[in-house]
């Protein structure tokens, strides 16, 4: 049986789309059972409905507390076969901090992607903050979620050169767009490892059974990913 996923979105859902694409290709042995949002206008909900995937949407402002909202999320997700022992919860641009009420229901089964090389530049503007700082390398991180923002153990990271003024320069939006292309590779890859039972957490370290140390692109498409991306997940 395919590994069940619940995906939480607040916006366009491009990472949701990348997950669905990798499922369609056969690279990711999983099934998206439910897509949830706190924003009815989130296009990620439309992506799900167009494919016949169940959706759930309630504004968090309808609830008396953050914990009450999260408890309802837990209930809805559980109805679709995802719990502490089965499947995973995927944050794909879900713009809310999850409470312990939620995280305790899915221990070591909630994952997130962040558009920066953690622990650098946590928060909602990772790529823009990196560009403003003037870094030479920028990228993205997939990590398990804990109670601190962008803090949980890292599963995989990928980096691209950040263009400086002598190379034509770029702002935060341009850098974020290049990082996003790698997000669409490393997030499905991390979920594939999770679905295959190849991840083990030891303290702050995530061990990936059978993974290569790293993979890299070339002069026309420079990137570095660690652990290495496997066939079906490398940039097109």
C-alpha atoms as a PDB file:
ATOM      1  CA  UNK A   1       0.000   0.000   0.000  1.00  0.00           C
ATOM      2  CA  UNK A   2       1.277   3.484  -0.845  1.00  0.00           C
ATOM      3  CA  UNK A   3       2.633   5.615   1.982  1.00  0.00           C
ATOM      4  CA  UNK A   4      -0.195   8.040   2.941  1.00  0.00           C
ATOM      5  CA  UNK A   5       0.474  11.784   3.085  1.00  0.00           C
ATOM      6  CA  UNK A   6      -1.474  14.761   4.372  1.00  0.00           C
ATOM      7  CA  UNK A   7      -0.263  18.054   2.905  1.00  0.00           C
ATOM      8  CA  UNK A   8      -0.837  21.442   4.547  1.00  0.00           C
ATOM      9  CA  UNK A   9      -0.774  24.536   2.303  1.00  0.00           C
ATOM     10  CA  UNK A  10      -1.491  28.239   2.605  1.00  0.00           C
ATOM     11  CA  UNK A  11      -0.691  29.361  -0.927  1.00  0.00           C
ATOM     12  CA  UNK A  12      -0.042  28.206  -4.475  1.00  0.00           C
ATOM     13  CA  UNK A  13       1.122  24.712  -3.616  1.00  0.00           C
ATOM     14  CA  UNK A  14       3.983  24.368  -6.100  1.00  0.00           C
ATOM     15  CA  UNK A  15       5.746  21.960  -3.749  1.00  0.00           C
ATOM     16  CA  UNK A  16       2.504  19.981  -3.518  1.00  0.00           C
ATOM     17  CA  UNK A  17       2.535  19.811  -7.310  1.00  0.00           C
ATOM     18  CA  UNK A  18       6.121  18.555  -7.342  1.00  0.00           C
ATOM     19  CA  UNK A  19       5.137  15.793  -4.916  1.00  0.00           C
ATOM     20  CA  UNK A  20       2.174  14.803  -7.069  1.00  0.00           C
ATOM     21  CA  UNK A  21       4.367  14.793 -10.177  1.00  0.00           C
ATOM     22  CA  UNK A  22       6.900  12.458  -8.555  1.00  0.00           C
ATOM     23  CA  UNK A  23       4.092  10.170  -7.409  1.00  0.00           C
ATOM     24  CA  UNK A  24       2.791  10.082 -10.992  1.00  0.00           C
ATOM     25  CA  UNK A  25       6.260   9.247 -12.322  1.00  0.00           C
ATOM     26  CA  UNK A  26       6.624   6.331  -9.914  1.00  0.00           C
ATOM     27  CA  UNK A  27       9.650   7.826  -8.181  1.00  0.00           C
ATOM     28  CA  UNK A  28       7.774   8.569  -4.941  1.00  0.00           C
ATOM     29  CA  UNK A  29       5.931   5.538  -3.478  1.00  0.00           C
ATOM     30  CA  UNK A  30       3.264   7.556  -1.707  1.00  0.00           C
ATOM     31  CA  UNK A  31      -0.301   8.823  -2.045  1.00  0.00           C
ATOM     32  CA  UNK A  32      -1.631  12.228  -1.047  1.00  0.00           C
ATOM     33  CA  UNK A  33      -4.781  11.402   0.897  1.00  0.00           C
ATOM     34  CA  UNK A  34      -5.748  14.896   2.063  1.00  0.00           C
ATOM     35  CA  UNK A  35      -4.786  18.530   1.414  1.00  0.00           C
ATOM     36  CA  UNK A  36      -5.593  20.999   4.188  1.00  0.00           C
ATOM     37  CA  UNK A  37      -5.489  24.777   4.409  1.00  0.00           C
ATOM     38  CA  UNK A  38      -6.482  27.665   6.627  1.00  0.00           C
ATOM     39  CA  UNK A  39      -7.061  29.867   3.566  1.00  0.00           C
ATOM     40  CA  UNK A  40      -9.951  29.115   1.168  1.00  0.00           C
ATOM     41  CA  UNK A  41      -8.217  30.977  -1.677  1.00  0.00           C
ATOM     42  CA  UNK A  42      -5.096  28.787  -1.501  1.00  0.00           C
ATOM     43  CA  UNK A  43      -4.461  27.438  -5.006  1.00  0.00           C
ATOM     44  CA  UNK A  44      -3.056  24.274  -3.488  1.00  0.00           C
ATOM     45  CA  UNK A  45      -6.657  23.308  -2.691  1.00  0.00           C
ATOM     46  CA  UNK A  46      -7.552  23.734  -6.361  1.00  0.00           C
ATOM     47  CA  UNK A  47      -4.640  21.506  -7.383  1.00  0.00           C
ATOM     48  CA  UNK A  48      -5.973  18.807  -5.072  1.00  0.00           C
ATOM     49  CA  UNK A  49      -9.607  19.091  -6.154  1.00  0.00           C
ATOM     50  CA  UNK A  50      -8.667  18.880  -9.820  1.00  0.00           C
ATOM     51  CA  UNK A  51      -7.128  15.479  -9.078  1.00  0.00           C
ATOM     52  CA  UNK A  52      -9.975  14.230  -6.904  1.00  0.00           C
ATOM     53  CA  UNK A  53      -7.961  14.471  -3.686  1.00  0.00           C
ATOM     54  CA  UNK A  54      -9.937  15.180  -0.523  1.00  0.00           C
ATOM     55  CA  UNK A  55      -9.582  18.698   0.881  1.00  0.00           C
ATOM     56  CA  UNK A  56     -10.255  20.377   4.212  1.00  0.00           C
ATOM     57  CA  UNK A  57     -10.351  24.115   4.797  1.00  0.00           C
ATOM     58  CA  UNK A  58     -11.249  26.116   7.891  1.00  0.00           C
ATOM     59  CA  UNK A  59     -10.063  29.592   8.843  1.00  0.00           C
ATOM     60  CA  UNK A  60      -8.019  29.461  12.019  1.00  0.00           C
ATOM     61  CA  UNK A  61      -9.899  32.551  13.193  1.00  0.00           C
ATOM     62  CA  UNK A  62     -12.995  30.362  13.655  1.00  0.00           C
ATOM     63  CA  UNK A  63     -11.351  28.639  16.622  1.00  0.00           C
ATOM     64  CA  UNK A  64     -10.880  29.931  20.166  1.00  0.00           C
ATOM     65  CA  UNK A  65      -7.187  29.013  20.314  1.00  0.00           C
ATOM     66  CA  UNK A  66      -4.267  27.723  18.279  1.00  0.00           C
ATOM     67  CA  UNK A  67      -4.568  24.415  20.092  1.00  0.00           C
ATOM     68  CA  UNK A  68      -8.230  24.061  19.163  1.00  0.00           C
ATOM     69  CA  UNK A  69      -7.455  24.651  15.496  1.00  0.00           C
ATOM     70  CA  UNK A  70      -4.614  22.143  15.573  1.00  0.00           C
ATOM     71  CA  UNK A  71      -6.778  19.555  17.310  1.00  0.00           C
ATOM     72  CA  UNK A  72      -9.262  19.810  14.451  1.00  0.00           C
ATOM     73  CA  UNK A  73      -6.417  19.355  11.953  1.00  0.00           C
ATOM     74  CA  UNK A  74      -5.338  16.210  13.809  1.00  0.00           C
ATOM     75  CA  UNK A  75      -8.887  14.863  13.712  1.00  0.00           C
ATOM     76  CA  UNK A  76      -9.279  15.486   9.970  1.00  0.00           C
ATOM     77  CA  UNK A  77      -5.900  13.967   9.143  1.00  0.00           C
ATOM     78  CA  UNK A  78      -6.602  10.893  11.276  1.00  0.00           C
ATOM     79  CA  UNK A  79      -9.813  10.255   9.344  1.00  0.00           C
ATOM     80  CA  UNK A  80      -7.649   9.710   6.245  1.00  0.00           C
ATOM     81  CA  UNK A  81      -5.381   7.064   7.734  1.00  0.00           C
ATOM     82  CA  UNK A  82      -2.430   9.178   8.867  1.00  0.00           C
ATOM     83  CA  UNK A  83      -1.454   8.883  12.530  1.00  0.00           C
ATOM     84  CA  UNK A  84       1.539   8.366  14.814  1.00  0.00           C
ATOM     85  CA  UNK A  85       2.435   5.092  13.082  1.00  0.00           C
ATOM     86  CA  UNK A  86       1.227   5.508   9.513  1.00  0.00           C
ATOM     87  CA  UNK A  87       2.186   8.042   6.868  1.00  0.00           C
ATOM     88  CA  UNK A  88       3.433  11.597   7.308  1.00  0.00           C
ATOM     89  CA  UNK A  89       2.324  15.216   7.422  1.00  0.00           C
ATOM     90  CA  UNK A  90       3.918  17.498   4.837  1.00  0.00           C
ATOM     91  CA  UNK A  91       4.093  21.278   5.268  1.00  0.00           C
ATOM     92  CA  UNK A  92       4.148  22.868   1.818  1.00  0.00           C
ATOM     93  CA  UNK A  93       4.019  26.596   2.391  1.00  0.00           C
ATOM     94  CA  UNK A  94       1.762  26.323   5.439  1.00  0.00           C
ATOM     95  CA  UNK A  95       2.235  29.683   7.108  1.00  0.00           C
ATOM     96  CA  UNK A  96       1.413  28.801  10.700  1.00  0.00           C
ATOM     97  CA  UNK A  97       3.450  27.488  13.600  1.00  0.00           C
ATOM     98  CA  UNK A  98       2.135  24.148  14.804  1.00  0.00           C
ATOM     99  CA  UNK A  99       1.474  23.648  18.499  1.00  0.00           C
ATOM    100  CA  UNK A 100       2.555  20.691  20.652  1.00  0.00           C
ATOM    101  CA  UNK A 101      -1.054  19.479  20.357  1.00  0.00           C
ATOM    102  CA  UNK A 102      -0.376  18.755  16.693  1.00  0.00           C
ATOM    103  CA  UNK A 103       3.238  17.622  16.902  1.00  0.00           C
ATOM    104  CA  UNK A 104       2.581  15.084  19.664  1.00  0.00           C
ATOM    105  CA  UNK A 105      -0.014  13.413  17.424  1.00  0.00           C
ATOM    106  CA  UNK A 106       2.580  12.771  14.698  1.00  0.00           C
ATOM    107  CA  UNK A 107       5.981  12.289  16.385  1.00  0.00           C
ATOM    108  CA  UNK A 108       8.864  12.416  13.883  1.00  0.00           C
ATOM    109  CA  UNK A 109       6.318  12.362  11.059  1.00  0.00           C
ATOM    110  CA  UNK A 110       5.934  16.085  10.296  1.00  0.00           C
ATOM    111  CA  UNK A 111       8.294  17.505   7.668  1.00  0.00           C
ATOM    112  CA  UNK A 112       8.850  20.965   6.255  1.00  0.00           C
ATOM    113  CA  UNK A 113      10.886  22.665   3.548  1.00  0.00           C
ATOM    114  CA  UNK A 114      12.609  26.005   4.088  1.00  0.00           C
ATOM    115  CA  UNK A 115      14.168  28.210   1.373  1.00  0.00           C
ATOM    116  CA  UNK A 116      17.530  28.664   3.100  1.00  0.00           C
ATOM    117  CA  UNK A 117      20.440  26.596   4.337  1.00  0.00           C
ATOM    118  CA  UNK A 118      19.427  26.117   7.954  1.00  0.00           C
ATOM    119  CA  UNK A 119      20.333  27.090  10.586  1.00  0.00           C
ATOM    120  CA  UNK A 120      21.012  30.284   8.612  1.00  0.00           C
ATOM    121  CA  UNK A 121      18.095  32.586   7.760  1.00  0.00           C
ATOM    122  CA  UNK A 122      15.140  30.970   9.520  1.00  0.00           C
ATOM    123  CA  UNK A 123      11.721  32.580   9.250  1.00  0.00           C
ATOM    124  CA  UNK A 124       9.418  33.573   6.427  1.00  0.00           C
ATOM    125  CA  UNK A 125      11.905  35.378   4.170  1.00  0.00           C
ATOM    126  CA  UNK A 126      14.827  32.956   3.938  1.00  0.00           C
ATOM    127  CA  UNK A 127      15.879  33.610   0.336  1.00  0.00           C
ATOM    128  CA  UNK A 128      15.386  37.387   0.580  1.00  0.00           C
ATOM    129  CA  UNK A 129      17.375  37.512   3.808  1.00  0.00           C
ATOM    130  CA  UNK A 130      20.190  35.506   2.225  1.00  0.00           C
ATOM    131  CA  UNK A 131      20.308  37.796  -0.820  1.00  0.00           C
ATOM    132  CA  UNK A 132      20.331  40.904   1.367  1.00  0.00           C
ATOM    133  CA  UNK A 133      23.155  39.480   3.487  1.00  0.00           C
ATOM    134  CA  UNK A 134      25.282  38.901   0.412  1.00  0.00           C
ATOM    135  CA  UNK A 135      25.914  35.180   0.738  1.00  0.00           C
ATOM    136  CA  UNK A 136      27.829  33.311  -1.953  1.00  0.00           C
ATOM    137  CA  UNK A 137      25.788  30.129  -1.565  1.00  0.00           C
ATOM    138  CA  UNK A 138      22.062  29.871  -0.876  1.00  0.00           C
ATOM    139  CA  UNK A 139      19.656  26.982  -0.921  1.00  0.00           C
ATOM    140  CA  UNK A 140      16.929  24.998   0.791  1.00  0.00           C
ATOM    141  CA  UNK A 141      16.509  22.482   3.588  1.00  0.00           C
ATOM    142  CA  UNK A 142      14.031  19.681   4.303  1.00  0.00           C
ATOM    143  CA  UNK A 143      13.746  19.003   8.017  1.00  0.00           C
ATOM    144  CA  UNK A 144      11.625  17.320  10.622  1.00  0.00           C
ATOM    145  CA  UNK A 145       9.452  19.771  12.530  1.00  0.00           C
ATOM    146  CA  UNK A 146       9.724  20.433  16.238  1.00  0.00           C
ATOM    147  CA  UNK A 147       8.293  23.142  18.479  1.00  0.00           C
ATOM    148  CA  UNK A 148      10.862  25.771  17.421  1.00  0.00           C
ATOM    149  CA  UNK A 149      10.587  27.473  14.023  1.00  0.00           C
ATOM    150  CA  UNK A 150      12.871  25.948  11.356  1.00  0.00           C
ATOM    151  CA  UNK A 151      14.807  24.050  14.015  1.00  0.00           C
ATOM    152  CA  UNK A 152      14.218  20.296  13.611  1.00  0.00           C
ATOM    153  CA  UNK A 153      16.784  17.753  12.352  1.00  0.00           C
ATOM    154  CA  UNK A 154      17.766  18.279   8.711  1.00  0.00           C
ATOM    155  CA  UNK A 155      17.093  15.471   6.218  1.00  0.00           C
ATOM    156  CA  UNK A 156      18.591  16.977   3.044  1.00  0.00           C
ATOM    157  CA  UNK A 157      19.906  20.328   1.829  1.00  0.00           C
ATOM    158  CA  UNK A 158      20.715  21.718  -1.600  1.00  0.00           C
ATOM    159  CA  UNK A 159      22.706  24.810  -2.555  1.00  0.00           C
ATOM    160  CA  UNK A 160      23.111  27.063  -5.579  1.00  0.00           C
ATOM    161  CA  UNK A 161      25.528  29.944  -6.172  1.00  0.00           C
ATOM    162  CA  UNK A 162      24.087  33.312  -5.193  1.00  0.00           C
ATOM    163  CA  UNK A 163      24.925  35.763  -7.958  1.00  0.00           C
ATOM    164  CA  UNK A 164      26.830  38.849  -6.854  1.00  0.00           C
ATOM    165  CA  UNK A 165      27.000  42.263  -8.494  1.00  0.00           C
ATOM    166  CA  UNK A 166      30.027  41.316 -10.611  1.00  0.00           C
ATOM    167  CA  UNK A 167      28.004  38.357 -11.956  1.00  0.00           C
ATOM    168  CA  UNK A 168      24.944  40.360 -12.877  1.00  0.00           C
ATOM    169  CA  UNK A 169      23.470  40.313  -9.376  1.00  0.00           C
ATOM    170  CA  UNK A 170      19.998  39.231  -8.350  1.00  0.00           C
ATOM    171  CA  UNK A 171      17.458  40.161  -5.733  1.00  0.00           C
ATOM    172  CA  UNK A 172      15.639  37.959  -3.317  1.00  0.00           C
ATOM    173  CA  UNK A 173      12.836  37.045  -5.749  1.00  0.00           C
ATOM    174  CA  UNK A 174      15.228  35.856  -8.460  1.00  0.00           C
ATOM    175  CA  UNK A 175      17.254  33.859  -5.952  1.00  0.00           C
ATOM    176  CA  UNK A 176      14.085  32.356  -4.483  1.00  0.00           C
ATOM    177  CA  UNK A 177      12.971  31.250  -7.961  1.00  0.00           C
ATOM    178  CA  UNK A 178      16.233  29.375  -8.529  1.00  0.00           C
ATOM    179  CA  UNK A 179      16.057  27.825  -5.068  1.00  0.00           C
ATOM    180  CA  UNK A 180      12.460  26.743  -5.713  1.00  0.00           C
ATOM    181  CA  UNK A 181      13.599  24.522  -8.580  1.00  0.00           C
ATOM    182  CA  UNK A 182      15.738  22.596  -6.115  1.00  0.00           C
ATOM    183  CA  UNK A 183      12.931  22.497  -3.552  1.00  0.00           C
ATOM    184  CA  UNK A 184      10.928  20.582  -6.140  1.00  0.00           C
ATOM    185  CA  UNK A 185      13.710  17.969  -6.236  1.00  0.00           C
ATOM    186  CA  UNK A 186      14.763  17.555  -2.624  1.00  0.00           C
ATOM    187  CA  UNK A 187      11.309  17.557  -0.999  1.00  0.00           C
ATOM    188  CA  UNK A 188       9.969  14.556  -2.949  1.00  0.00           C
ATOM    189  CA  UNK A 189      13.355  12.856  -2.464  1.00  0.00           C
ATOM    190  CA  UNK A 190      13.153  13.251   1.316  1.00  0.00           C
ATOM    191  CA  UNK A 191       9.586  11.924   1.314  1.00  0.00           C
ATOM    192  CA  UNK A 192      10.662   8.921  -0.765  1.00  0.00           C
ATOM    193  CA  UNK A 193      13.318   8.062   1.811  1.00  0.00           C
ATOM    194  CA  UNK A 194      10.726   8.434   4.569  1.00  0.00           C
ATOM    195  CA  UNK A 195       8.207   6.253   2.707  1.00  0.00           C
ATOM    196  CA  UNK A 196      10.879   3.599   2.132  1.00  0.00           C
ATOM    197  CA  UNK A 197      11.765   3.495   5.837  1.00  0.00           C
ATOM    198  CA  UNK A 198      15.314   4.689   5.176  1.00  0.00           C
ATOM    199  CA  UNK A 199      15.462   7.565   7.698  1.00  0.00           C
ATOM    200  CA  UNK A 200      16.652   7.289  11.292  1.00  0.00           C
ATOM    201  CA  UNK A 201      16.962  10.212  13.692  1.00  0.00           C
ATOM    202  CA  UNK A 202      19.858  10.222  16.160  1.00  0.00           C
ATOM    203  CA  UNK A 203      19.789  13.436  18.141  1.00  0.00           C
ATOM    204  CA  UNK A 204      20.136  16.261  15.635  1.00  0.00           C
ATOM    205  CA  UNK A 205      21.376  13.918  12.912  1.00  0.00           C
ATOM    206  CA  UNK A 206      19.206  12.194  10.307  1.00  0.00           C
ATOM    207  CA  UNK A 207      20.806   9.070   8.876  1.00  0.00           C
ATOM    208  CA  UNK A 208      19.730   8.024   5.380  1.00  0.00           C
ATOM    209  CA  UNK A 209      20.259   4.345   4.682  1.00  0.00           C
ATOM    210  CA  UNK A 210      22.066   3.661   1.411  1.00  0.00           C
ATOM    211  CA  UNK A 211      22.347   7.305   0.313  1.00  0.00           C
ATOM    212  CA  UNK A 212      25.336   8.800  -1.465  1.00  0.00           C
ATOM    213  CA  UNK A 213      27.141  11.607   0.325  1.00  0.00           C
ATOM    214  CA  UNK A 214      26.292  14.227  -2.297  1.00  0.00           C
ATOM    215  CA  UNK A 215      25.314  14.938  -5.890  1.00  0.00           C
ATOM    216  CA  UNK A 216      26.137  17.960  -7.998  1.00  0.00           C
ATOM    217  CA  UNK A 217      25.262  19.616 -11.275  1.00  0.00           C
ATOM    218  CA  UNK A 218      27.563  21.138 -13.867  1.00  0.00           C
ATOM    219  CA  UNK A 219      28.586  24.566 -15.151  1.00  0.00           C
ATOM    220  CA  UNK A 220      25.264  25.069 -16.922  1.00  0.00           C
ATOM    221  CA  UNK A 221      23.159  23.950 -13.937  1.00  0.00           C
ATOM    222  CA  UNK A 222      25.293  24.310 -10.812  1.00  0.00           C
ATOM    223  CA  UNK A 223      23.975  22.844  -7.576  1.00  0.00           C
ATOM    224  CA  UNK A 224      25.084  20.650  -4.687  1.00  0.00           C
ATOM    225  CA  UNK A 225      22.746  18.377  -2.747  1.00  0.00           C
ATOM    226  CA  UNK A 226      23.586  16.338   0.331  1.00  0.00           C
ATOM    227  CA  UNK A 227      22.743  13.518   0.701  1.00  0.00           C
ATOM    228  CA  UNK A 228      22.836  12.902  -3.029  1.00  0.00           C
ATOM    229  CA  UNK A 229      19.719  12.965  -5.162  1.00  0.00           C
ATOM    230  CA  UNK A 230      18.741   9.623  -6.639  1.00  0.00           C
ATOM    231  CA  UNK A 231      17.472   8.891 -10.160  1.00  0.00           C
ATOM    232  CA  UNK A 232      14.059  10.434 -10.692  1.00  0.00           C
ATOM    233  CA  UNK A 233      14.775  13.391  -8.416  1.00  0.00           C
ATOM    234  CA  UNK A 234      17.636  15.269 -10.109  1.00  0.00           C
ATOM    235  CA  UNK A 235      16.948  18.708 -11.685  1.00  0.00           C
ATOM    236  CA  UNK A 236      15.626  18.586 -15.239  1.00  0.00           C
END
